Protein backbone atom coordinates (compact mmCIF):
# COMPACT_ATOMS: atom_id res chain seq x y z
CA UNK A 1 -15.19 -1.94 26.24
CA UNK A 2 -12.85 -5.22 26.69
CA UNK A 3 -9.74 -5.17 25.48
CA UNK A 4 -10.37 -7.51 22.85
CA UNK A 5 -13.00 -5.06 21.61
CA UNK A 6 -10.36 -1.90 21.93
CA UNK A 7 -7.85 -4.17 19.74
CA UNK A 8 -10.25 -5.21 17.21
CA UNK A 9 -11.49 -1.18 16.82
CA UNK A 10 -7.63 -0.26 17.00
CA UNK A 11 -6.89 -2.40 14.08
CA UNK A 12 -9.75 -1.16 12.21
CA UNK A 13 -9.21 2.25 12.27
CA UNK A 14 -5.70 1.68 11.34
CA UNK A 15 -6.73 -0.64 8.58
CA UNK A 16 -8.86 1.87 7.12
CA UNK A 17 -6.54 4.94 7.61
CA UNK A 18 -4.21 2.76 5.45
CA UNK A 19 -6.59 2.22 2.69
CA UNK A 20 -6.68 6.18 2.30
CA UNK A 21 -3.48 6.48 2.11
CA UNK A 22 -2.82 3.50 -0.39
CA UNK A 23 -5.70 4.79 -2.81
CA UNK A 24 -4.12 8.45 -2.59
CA UNK A 25 -0.90 6.56 -3.82
CA UNK A 26 -2.94 4.73 -6.56
CA UNK A 27 -5.15 7.39 -7.65
CA UNK A 28 -2.59 9.05 -10.50
CA UNK A 29 -2.05 5.90 -11.92
CA UNK A 30 -6.08 5.58 -12.56
CA UNK A 31 -6.12 8.79 -14.16
CA UNK A 32 -3.29 9.47 -15.72
CA UNK A 33 0.08 8.02 -17.44
CA UNK A 34 2.21 7.28 -14.26
CA UNK A 35 3.27 3.79 -15.33
CA UNK A 36 4.83 5.07 -18.66
CA UNK A 37 6.73 7.90 -16.78
CA UNK A 38 8.30 5.47 -14.33
CA UNK A 39 9.00 3.03 -16.86
CA UNK A 40 11.51 5.62 -18.98
CA UNK A 41 12.25 7.26 -15.54
CA UNK A 42 10.60 10.59 -16.13
CA UNK A 43 9.70 13.29 -13.44
CA UNK A 44 5.94 14.30 -14.54
CA UNK A 45 5.47 18.38 -14.69
CA UNK A 46 3.40 20.17 -12.19
CA UNK A 47 2.59 23.83 -11.58
CA UNK A 48 3.67 25.50 -8.75
CA UNK A 49 0.57 24.87 -6.78
CA UNK A 50 0.57 20.68 -7.43
CA UNK A 51 4.35 20.74 -6.72
CA UNK A 52 3.49 21.55 -3.39
CA UNK A 53 1.10 18.37 -3.06
CA UNK A 54 3.36 16.28 -4.89
CA UNK A 55 6.41 16.74 -2.37
CA UNK A 56 3.94 16.26 0.27
CA UNK A 57 2.45 12.90 -0.94
CA UNK A 58 6.37 12.20 -2.12
CA UNK A 59 7.09 12.73 1.82
CA UNK A 60 4.48 11.38 3.83
CA UNK A 61 2.48 9.40 1.93
CA UNK A 62 4.64 7.32 -0.75
CA UNK A 63 5.18 3.97 0.52
CA UNK A 64 4.12 4.45 4.20
CA UNK A 65 0.67 2.66 3.72
CA UNK A 66 1.85 -0.47 2.00
CA UNK A 67 3.88 -1.10 4.78
CA UNK A 68 1.25 -0.72 7.29
CA UNK A 69 -1.64 -2.81 5.11
CA UNK A 70 1.50 -5.53 4.96
CA UNK A 71 2.17 -5.46 8.65
CA UNK A 72 -1.48 -5.97 9.66
CA UNK A 73 -1.37 -9.13 7.34
CA UNK A 74 1.27 -10.60 9.28
CA UNK A 75 -0.78 -9.79 12.32
CA UNK A 76 -4.10 -11.54 11.20
CA UNK A 77 -1.80 -14.23 10.25
CA UNK A 78 -1.02 -14.88 13.33
CA UNK A 79 -4.32 -14.35 14.77
CA UNK A 80 -5.93 -17.10 12.35
CA UNK A 81 -3.27 -19.71 12.88
CA UNK A 82 -4.38 -18.94 16.83
CA UNK A 83 -8.35 -20.44 15.98
CA UNK A 84 -7.62 -22.51 12.28
CA UNK A 85 -5.13 -24.80 10.81
CA UNK A 86 -2.23 -24.09 8.77
CA UNK A 87 -4.47 -25.94 5.91
CA UNK A 88 -7.20 -23.67 6.31
CA UNK A 89 -4.54 -20.45 5.89
CA UNK A 90 -3.37 -22.36 2.84
CA UNK A 91 -6.80 -22.43 1.03
CA UNK A 92 -7.57 -18.58 1.49
CA UNK A 93 -4.39 -17.21 0.54
CA UNK A 94 -5.05 -19.51 -2.93
CA UNK A 95 -8.41 -18.11 -3.23
CA UNK A 96 -6.86 -14.30 -2.19
CA UNK A 97 -4.28 -15.19 -5.01
CA UNK A 98 -7.01 -16.06 -7.70
CA UNK A 99 -8.58 -12.70 -6.65
CA UNK A 100 -5.70 -10.94 -7.06
CA UNK A 101 -5.23 -12.36 -10.69
CA UNK A 102 -8.25 -11.08 -11.33
CA UNK A 103 -8.15 -7.94 -10.16
CA UNK A 104 -4.50 -7.67 -12.15
CA UNK A 105 -5.43 -8.62 -15.39
CA UNK A 106 -8.81 -7.76 -16.05
CA UNK A 107 -8.42 -4.57 -14.08
CA UNK A 108 -5.49 -2.27 -12.77
CA UNK A 109 -1.72 -3.07 -13.00
CA UNK A 110 -1.17 -2.10 -9.95
CA UNK A 111 -2.78 -5.03 -7.70
CA UNK A 112 -1.00 -6.20 -4.37
CA UNK A 113 -3.29 -9.02 -3.62
CA UNK A 114 -1.46 -11.43 -5.74
CA UNK A 115 2.14 -11.04 -4.14
CA UNK A 116 0.32 -10.92 -0.50
CA UNK A 117 -1.33 -14.41 -1.15
CA UNK A 118 2.41 -15.67 -2.55
CA UNK A 119 4.07 -14.37 0.17
CA UNK A 120 1.79 -15.11 2.80
CA UNK A 121 2.18 -19.04 1.82
CA UNK A 122 6.03 -18.09 2.54
CA UNK A 123 5.10 -17.05 6.03
CA UNK A 124 4.25 -19.94 7.30
CA UNK A 125 7.23 -21.45 7.67
CA UNK A 126 8.17 -18.73 10.28
CA UNK A 127 5.45 -19.43 12.66
CA UNK A 128 6.94 -21.65 14.83
CA UNK A 129 9.80 -19.69 15.42
CA UNK A 130 10.68 -17.15 18.59
CA UNK A 131 9.58 -13.79 18.37
CA UNK A 132 13.31 -12.91 18.48
CA UNK A 133 14.00 -14.99 15.51
CA UNK A 134 10.83 -13.80 13.38
CA UNK A 135 12.00 -10.01 14.22
CA UNK A 136 15.58 -10.63 12.97
CA UNK A 137 14.52 -12.40 9.94
CA UNK A 138 11.92 -9.32 8.97
CA UNK A 139 14.96 -6.95 9.59
CA UNK A 140 16.97 -9.37 6.92
CA UNK A 141 14.32 -8.93 4.67
CA UNK A 142 14.23 -5.35 5.10
CA UNK A 143 17.83 -4.53 4.84
CA UNK A 144 18.14 -6.82 2.06
CA UNK A 145 15.71 -5.06 0.06
CA UNK A 146 17.09 -1.61 0.71
CA UNK A 147 20.50 -2.78 -0.14
CA UNK A 148 19.33 -3.86 -3.42
CA UNK A 149 17.87 -0.45 -3.81
CA UNK A 150 20.73 1.46 -2.66
CA UNK A 151 23.21 -0.74 -5.11
CA UNK A 152 20.39 -0.07 -7.79
CA UNK A 153 21.39 3.63 -7.87
CA UNK A 154 24.47 3.66 -9.04
CA UNK A 155 25.00 0.45 -10.59
CA UNK A 156 21.84 -0.19 -13.11
CA UNK A 157 22.08 0.32 -16.40
CA UNK A 158 20.62 3.23 -17.43
CA UNK A 159 18.85 3.48 -21.03
CA UNK A 160 18.42 6.41 -22.91
CA UNK A 161 15.51 6.91 -25.13
CA UNK A 162 14.75 9.08 -27.82
CA UNK A 163 12.52 11.68 -26.76
CA UNK A 164 10.02 11.18 -30.20
CA UNK A 165 10.17 7.27 -29.16
CA UNK A 166 9.05 8.18 -25.81
CA UNK A 167 6.25 10.45 -26.75
CA UNK A 168 4.84 8.00 -29.30
CA UNK A 169 4.55 5.13 -26.82
CA UNK A 170 3.11 7.42 -24.31
CA UNK A 171 0.35 8.86 -26.59
CA UNK A 172 -0.41 5.26 -27.54
CA UNK A 173 -0.50 4.32 -24.11
CA UNK A 174 -2.73 7.20 -23.28
CA UNK A 175 -5.35 6.06 -26.69
CA UNK A 176 -5.32 2.46 -25.17
CA UNK A 177 -7.23 4.29 -22.18
CA UNK A 178 -8.96 6.64 -23.74
CA UNK A 179 -10.61 5.38 -26.12
CA UNK A 180 -10.03 1.94 -27.01
CA UNK A 181 -12.10 -1.35 -27.01
CA UNK A 182 -11.96 -3.19 -23.71
CA UNK A 183 -10.90 -6.05 -25.74
CA UNK A 184 -7.96 -4.11 -27.43
CA UNK A 185 -6.86 -2.31 -24.05
CA UNK A 186 -6.49 -5.52 -22.28
CA UNK A 187 -4.14 -7.42 -24.70
CA UNK A 188 -1.83 -3.87 -24.56
CA UNK A 189 -2.38 -3.70 -20.92
CA UNK A 190 -1.14 -7.30 -20.87
CA UNK A 191 2.10 -6.81 -22.90
CA UNK A 192 2.95 -3.20 -21.60
CA UNK A 193 1.83 -3.14 -17.86
CA UNK A 194 0.77 -7.25 -16.38
CA UNK A 195 4.38 -8.71 -17.86
CA UNK A 196 6.65 -6.33 -16.55
CA UNK A 197 5.02 -6.13 -12.65
CA UNK A 198 5.11 -10.02 -12.61
CA UNK A 199 9.06 -9.73 -13.61
CA UNK A 200 9.26 -7.65 -10.71
CA UNK A 201 7.46 -9.89 -8.23
CA UNK A 202 10.72 -11.78 -6.70
CA UNK A 203 11.65 -8.27 -5.70
CA UNK A 204 8.87 -6.80 -4.09
CA UNK A 205 8.56 -10.14 -2.25
CA UNK A 206 11.27 -8.87 0.17
CA UNK A 207 9.85 -6.11 1.73
CA UNK A 208 6.21 -7.28 2.06
CA UNK A 209 7.53 -10.38 3.58
CA UNK A 210 9.92 -8.11 6.11
CA UNK A 211 6.64 -6.74 7.11
CA UNK A 212 4.54 -9.79 7.26
CA UNK A 213 7.38 -10.81 9.97
CA UNK A 214 7.35 -7.31 11.87
CA UNK A 215 3.40 -8.10 12.34
CA UNK A 216 3.80 -11.58 13.23
CA UNK A 217 5.96 -10.48 15.54
CA UNK A 218 3.51 -7.99 17.23
CA UNK A 219 1.13 -10.88 17.19
CA UNK A 220 3.62 -13.15 18.91
CA UNK A 221 4.51 -10.54 21.71
CA UNK A 222 0.97 -9.18 22.03
CA UNK A 223 1.82 -5.88 21.17
CA UNK A 224 -1.16 -5.24 19.59
CA UNK A 225 -3.33 -5.23 22.91
CA UNK A 226 -3.92 -2.12 24.97
CA UNK A 227 -1.96 -2.20 28.36
CA UNK A 228 0.21 -0.02 30.42
CA UNK A 229 3.21 -2.03 28.86
CA UNK A 230 2.48 -1.63 25.61
CA UNK A 231 1.40 2.22 25.91
CA UNK A 232 5.21 2.63 27.03
CA UNK A 233 6.73 1.08 24.49
CA UNK A 234 4.81 2.24 22.13
CA UNK A 235 5.75 6.35 23.38
CA UNK A 236 9.30 5.31 23.27
CA UNK A 237 8.82 4.09 19.69
CA UNK A 238 7.02 7.32 18.68
CA UNK A 239 10.33 8.99 20.02
CA UNK A 240 12.68 7.61 17.96
CA UNK A 241 10.77 6.90 14.67
CA UNK A 242 10.33 10.73 14.82
CA UNK A 243 13.65 11.68 15.25
CA UNK A 244 14.66 9.24 12.57
CA UNK A 245 11.55 9.92 9.98
CA UNK A 246 12.31 13.44 10.68
CA UNK A 247 15.98 13.11 9.28
CA UNK A 248 14.75 11.49 6.30
CA UNK A 249 12.27 13.22 5.37
CA UNK A 250 14.74 16.45 5.29
CA UNK A 251 17.12 14.31 3.31
CA UNK A 252 14.20 13.47 1.09
CA UNK A 253 12.76 17.09 0.45
CA UNK A 254 16.39 18.43 -0.23
CA UNK A 255 16.72 15.75 -3.00
CA UNK A 256 13.07 16.83 -4.25
CA UNK A 257 13.53 20.03 -4.42
CA UNK A 258 17.48 20.79 -5.48
CA UNK A 259 19.93 19.38 -8.18
CA UNK A 260 22.26 17.58 -6.39
CA UNK A 261 23.10 15.02 -8.63
CA UNK A 262 22.37 13.70 -12.08
CA UNK A 263 18.90 13.63 -12.83
CA UNK A 264 17.97 9.68 -13.39
CA UNK A 265 20.37 9.41 -10.25
CA UNK A 266 18.84 11.83 -7.68
CA UNK A 267 15.32 9.89 -9.07
CA UNK A 268 16.65 6.52 -8.21
CA UNK A 269 17.90 8.21 -4.70
CA UNK A 270 14.95 9.85 -3.75
CA UNK A 271 13.48 6.26 -4.15
CA UNK A 272 15.60 4.79 -2.18
CA UNK A 273 14.97 7.17 0.66
CA UNK A 274 11.26 7.22 0.41
CA UNK A 275 10.90 3.39 0.87
CA UNK A 276 13.43 3.97 3.99
CA UNK A 277 11.43 6.46 5.59
CA UNK A 278 8.62 4.59 4.73
CA UNK A 279 9.82 2.03 7.26
CA UNK A 280 10.09 4.51 10.24
CA UNK A 281 6.78 6.60 9.46
CA UNK A 282 4.59 3.59 9.06
CA UNK A 283 5.18 2.45 12.25
CA UNK A 284 5.22 6.26 13.78
CA UNK A 285 1.53 6.43 12.01
CA UNK A 286 0.37 3.10 13.62
CA UNK A 287 1.91 4.17 16.98
CA UNK A 288 0.25 7.72 16.95
CA UNK A 289 -3.17 6.09 15.98
CA UNK A 290 -2.63 3.39 18.56
CA UNK A 291 -1.87 5.87 21.09
CA UNK A 292 -5.18 8.38 19.65
CA UNK A 293 -7.78 5.28 19.97
CA UNK A 294 -7.06 5.36 24.18
CA UNK A 295 -7.92 9.27 23.90
CA UNK A 296 -11.80 10.11 23.61
CA UNK A 297 -11.24 13.32 21.99
CA UNK A 298 -9.19 11.93 19.12
CA UNK A 299 -10.72 8.11 19.31
CA UNK A 300 -14.05 9.98 17.75
CA UNK A 301 -12.75 11.44 14.84
CA UNK A 302 -10.92 8.14 14.06
CA UNK A 303 -14.31 5.82 14.28
CA UNK A 304 -15.36 6.38 10.63
CA UNK A 305 -12.35 4.66 9.48
CA UNK A 306 -13.37 1.58 11.46
CA UNK A 307 -16.08 0.69 8.91
CA UNK A 308 -13.98 0.91 5.99
CA UNK A 309 -10.97 -0.78 7.49
CA UNK A 310 -13.60 -4.00 8.57
CA UNK A 311 -14.23 -4.00 4.73
CA UNK A 312 -10.46 -4.02 3.60
CA UNK A 313 -10.55 -5.92 0.79
CA UNK A 314 -13.81 -5.22 -0.59
CA UNK A 315 -13.16 -1.53 -0.66
CA UNK A 316 -9.68 -1.98 -1.74
CA UNK A 317 -10.87 -3.71 -5.06
CA UNK A 318 -13.65 -1.34 -5.38
CA UNK A 319 -11.18 1.71 -5.18
CA UNK A 320 -10.06 0.47 -8.30
CA UNK A 321 -13.49 -0.34 -9.89
CA UNK A 322 -15.29 3.03 -9.07
CA UNK A 323 -12.22 5.30 -9.94
CA UNK A 324 -11.64 3.42 -13.54
CA UNK A 325 -15.17 3.55 -13.96
CA UNK A 326 -15.83 7.21 -13.06
CA UNK A 327 -12.84 8.19 -15.23
CA UNK A 328 -13.64 6.02 -18.46
CA UNK A 329 -17.39 6.88 -18.12
CA UNK A 330 -16.56 10.83 -18.12
CA UNK A 331 -13.63 10.49 -20.39
CA UNK A 332 -11.04 11.90 -17.80
CA UNK A 333 -8.25 9.84 -18.47
CA UNK A 334 -5.08 11.69 -18.84
CA UNK A 335 -7.21 15.24 -18.09
CA UNK A 336 -7.35 15.09 -14.59
CA UNK A 337 -4.22 16.99 -12.48
CA UNK A 338 -2.57 16.44 -9.20
CA UNK A 339 -5.07 18.42 -7.49
CA UNK A 340 -8.21 17.13 -9.32
CA UNK A 341 -7.42 13.24 -9.16
CA UNK A 342 -6.95 14.09 -5.11
CA UNK A 343 -10.08 15.16 -4.50
CA UNK A 344 -11.89 12.77 -6.27
CA UNK A 345 -9.76 10.27 -4.26
CA UNK A 346 -11.49 11.89 -1.17
CA UNK A 347 -15.22 12.06 -2.75
CA UNK A 348 -15.18 8.08 -3.58
CA UNK A 349 -13.42 7.37 0.20
CA UNK A 350 -16.26 9.46 1.95
CA UNK A 351 -18.66 7.44 -0.16
CA UNK A 352 -16.96 4.27 0.56
CA UNK A 353 -16.80 5.30 4.11
CA UNK A 354 -20.68 6.06 3.93
CA UNK A 355 -21.95 2.81 2.40
CA UNK A 356 -19.25 0.62 4.30
CA UNK A 357 -21.54 2.09 7.57
CA UNK A 358 -24.54 1.54 5.93
CA UNK A 359 -23.47 -1.99 4.72
CA UNK A 360 -22.21 -3.15 8.23
CA UNK A 361 -25.36 -2.32 9.91
CA UNK A 362 -27.21 -5.19 8.00
CA UNK A 363 -23.93 -7.52 7.37
CA UNK A 364 -21.25 -8.60 9.78
CA UNK A 365 -18.66 -8.45 6.67
CA UNK A 366 -18.33 -6.95 3.66
CA UNK A 367 -19.81 -8.71 0.27
CA UNK A 368 -16.12 -9.68 -0.94
CA UNK A 369 -14.75 -10.43 2.51
CA UNK A 370 -18.03 -12.64 3.04
CA UNK A 371 -17.33 -14.81 -0.26
CA UNK A 372 -13.73 -15.37 0.74
CA UNK A 373 -14.72 -17.26 3.80
CA UNK A 374 -17.54 -18.99 2.36
CA UNK A 375 -15.18 -20.38 -0.91
CA UNK A 376 -12.48 -20.82 2.14
CA UNK A 377 -14.89 -22.69 4.80
CA UNK A 378 -13.41 -20.22 7.77
């Protein structure tokens, strides 16, 4: 197998693994009023068995896989501009923005594609910079974002809502998803979810652009290829990221299991540490997979992820469509616990893997990928 084939396989596998991690994090928002819990700063109540899974997801999954997806976007940006003019990239971002807005407006509030498209256009001026300059800008954006998160822990205004008001709003929210017609759901969805999400867009661009630039840096330095020099660097990164991640995970575990501060501050602090550990753990996960791909015994277990990764855009959108469809058809909204939701997520992802494999036996690209390229003529 050539280096180029290895590189493609490696990136597709990492992308597929990232999609599973993203899906696990997104699933609770498909079947429960997680948006409202976050809006009011409430902690969801779990059974003892569920609590262990919730802590595990917080420590090792939440905010760990979107950074990987963002990193791969930045790397793909470099590879794309190595073949096509900037004009074609802008066209692709415009189409991606329209796809993302349709996903956001008509299906699910958690869409990331619209933010990727807008941030992707902002990435263009950085393409001509030297690798060291790109890395510095990546650090600046990630540092600024976490500085804002840190300052918000103590400086933000804490709104105190009446318990009856909260319960009434959550009950109305659940009703929208359980029994409202699509027409009524759509207008409440715009008001309750979409508008606040769009207001948060300027802040969310900081970490996205930071990881885009990190991916662009990896592209400029050819760090995605399989070589002895890169493997040595990857092993060094594994050591350092493991050490940093261990400290952050232990710190976050303490915040999640012991009452140290008042509840709102403790929750915000845990969110900050969760995001910070997302930087080191996402790099660690990518490095480990990159090493495993070079080992035959590990590569066999990772190979199924490549099929999902090759159709990442299609599978990302269909995760929302299938999950919401199943939950609505079988009247499961607000009735699944964390464990049941996780099992449903794994089942749907397994189905996606099989369908992706069968589809790619006949076609080179997923249907949405094909549409994207057809419309933009790339």
